[in-house]
Amino acid sequence: ARIRYKSSSSSSSSSSSSLSSSSSLLLSSKELEEYASLRFTSILYSIISLKLSKLLHLHLLL
């Protein structure tokens, strides 16, 4: 399921759309768990990419 979300921007936009759909619909615990793990991985991915870009920038300055 996570293969679809290539970039962090597309995953965050689809996460917000699934959040709005989950507020109107009662999802099963499995779907909610899958959404939570997807949200966590997208946040983690954005943090890691941000730190990597900062490290790369510092390395280029040195």
C-alpha atoms as a PDB file:
ATOM      1  CA  ALA A   1       0.000   0.000   0.000  1.00  0.00           C
ATOM      2  CA  ARG A   2       2.900   2.345   0.684  1.00  0.00           C
ATOM      3  CA  ILE A   3       4.480   1.850  -2.738  1.00  0.00           C
ATOM      4  CA  ARG A   4       1.965   4.266  -4.249  1.00  0.00           C
ATOM      5  CA  TYR A   5       3.237   7.177  -2.177  1.00  0.00           C
ATOM      6  CA  LYS A   6       6.492   8.061  -3.889  1.00  0.00           C
ATOM      7  CA  SER A   7       7.087  11.664  -2.802  1.00  0.00           C
ATOM      8  CA  SER A   8       6.292  13.167   0.599  1.00  0.00           C
ATOM      9  CA  SER A   9       4.082  15.867  -0.953  1.00  0.00           C
ATOM     10  CA  SER A  10       1.768  13.361  -2.625  1.00  0.00           C
ATOM     11  CA  SER A  11       1.552  11.270   0.538  1.00  0.00           C
ATOM     12  CA  SER A  12       0.665  14.265   2.693  1.00  0.00           C
ATOM     13  CA  SER A  13      -2.072  15.372   0.290  1.00  0.00           C
ATOM     14  CA  SER A  14      -3.554  11.888   0.122  1.00  0.00           C
ATOM     15  CA  SER A  15      -3.286  11.624   3.907  1.00  0.00           C
ATOM     16  CA  SER A  16      -5.334  14.793   4.338  1.00  0.00           C
ATOM     17  CA  SER A  17      -7.928  13.537   1.862  1.00  0.00           C
ATOM     18  CA  SER A  18      -8.193  10.211   3.670  1.00  0.00           C
ATOM     19  CA  LEU A  19      -8.505  12.103   6.941  1.00  0.00           C
ATOM     20  CA  SER A  20     -11.490  14.061   5.631  1.00  0.00           C
ATOM     21  CA  SER A  21     -13.073  10.850   4.357  1.00  0.00           C
ATOM     22  CA  SER A  22     -12.472   9.061   7.657  1.00  0.00           C
ATOM     23  CA  SER A  23     -14.173  11.884   9.557  1.00  0.00           C
ATOM     24  CA  SER A  24     -17.356  11.369   7.516  1.00  0.00           C
ATOM     25  CA  LEU A  25     -17.133   7.563   7.396  1.00  0.00           C
ATOM     26  CA  LEU A  26     -16.616   5.097  10.217  1.00  0.00           C
ATOM     27  CA  LEU A  27     -13.602   3.047   9.233  1.00  0.00           C
ATOM     28  CA  SER A  28     -12.654  -0.352  10.560  1.00  0.00           C
ATOM     29  CA  SER A  29      -9.791  -0.644  13.028  1.00  0.00           C
ATOM     30  CA  LYS A  30      -7.580  -2.194  10.343  1.00  0.00           C
ATOM     31  CA  GLU A  31      -8.074   0.751   7.985  1.00  0.00           C
ATOM     32  CA  LEU A  32      -7.455   3.237  10.791  1.00  0.00           C
ATOM     33  CA  GLU A  33      -4.312   1.355  11.760  1.00  0.00           C
ATOM     34  CA  GLU A  34      -3.139   1.384   8.149  1.00  0.00           C
ATOM     35  CA  TYR A  35      -3.825   5.123   7.897  1.00  0.00           C
ATOM     36  CA  ALA A  36      -1.953   5.837  11.131  1.00  0.00           C
ATOM     37  CA  SER A  37       1.080   3.849   9.987  1.00  0.00           C
ATOM     38  CA  LEU A  38       0.978   5.596   6.606  1.00  0.00           C
ATOM     39  CA  ARG A  39       0.790   8.997   8.278  1.00  0.00           C
ATOM     40  CA  PHE A  40       3.666   8.063  10.576  1.00  0.00           C
ATOM     41  CA  THR A  41       5.856   6.891   7.695  1.00  0.00           C
ATOM     42  CA  SER A  42       5.134  10.054   5.678  1.00  0.00           C
ATOM     43  CA  ILE A  43       6.068  12.263   8.650  1.00  0.00           C
ATOM     44  CA  LEU A  44       9.161  10.153   9.310  1.00  0.00           C
ATOM     45  CA  TYR A  45      10.128  10.305   5.625  1.00  0.00           C
ATOM     46  CA  SER A  46       9.813  14.099   5.520  1.00  0.00           C
ATOM     47  CA  ILE A  47      11.911  14.484   8.692  1.00  0.00           C
ATOM     48  CA  ILE A  48      14.609  12.157   7.339  1.00  0.00           C
ATOM     49  CA  SER A  49      14.715  13.893   3.946  1.00  0.00           C
ATOM     50  CA  LEU A  50      14.939  17.280   5.679  1.00  0.00           C
ATOM     51  CA  LYS A  51      17.846  16.141   7.850  1.00  0.00           C
ATOM     52  CA  LEU A  52      19.558  14.543   4.873  1.00  0.00           C
ATOM     53  CA  SER A  53      19.293  17.730   2.821  1.00  0.00           C
ATOM     54  CA  LYS A  54      20.705  19.752   5.728  1.00  0.00           C
ATOM     55  CA  LEU A  55      23.597  17.315   6.117  1.00  0.00           C
ATOM     56  CA  LEU A  56      24.253  17.398   2.390  1.00  0.00           C
ATOM     57  CA  HIS A  57      24.195  21.197   2.409  1.00  0.00           C
ATOM     58  CA  LEU A  58      26.678  21.341   5.299  1.00  0.00           C
ATOM     59  CA  HIS A  59      28.902  18.825   3.536  1.00  0.00           C
ATOM     60  CA  LEU A  60      28.878  20.921   0.368  1.00  0.00           C
ATOM     61  CA  LEU A  61      29.818  24.024   2.364  1.00  0.00           C
ATOM     62  CA  LEU A  62      32.824  22.215   3.844  1.00  0.00           C
END
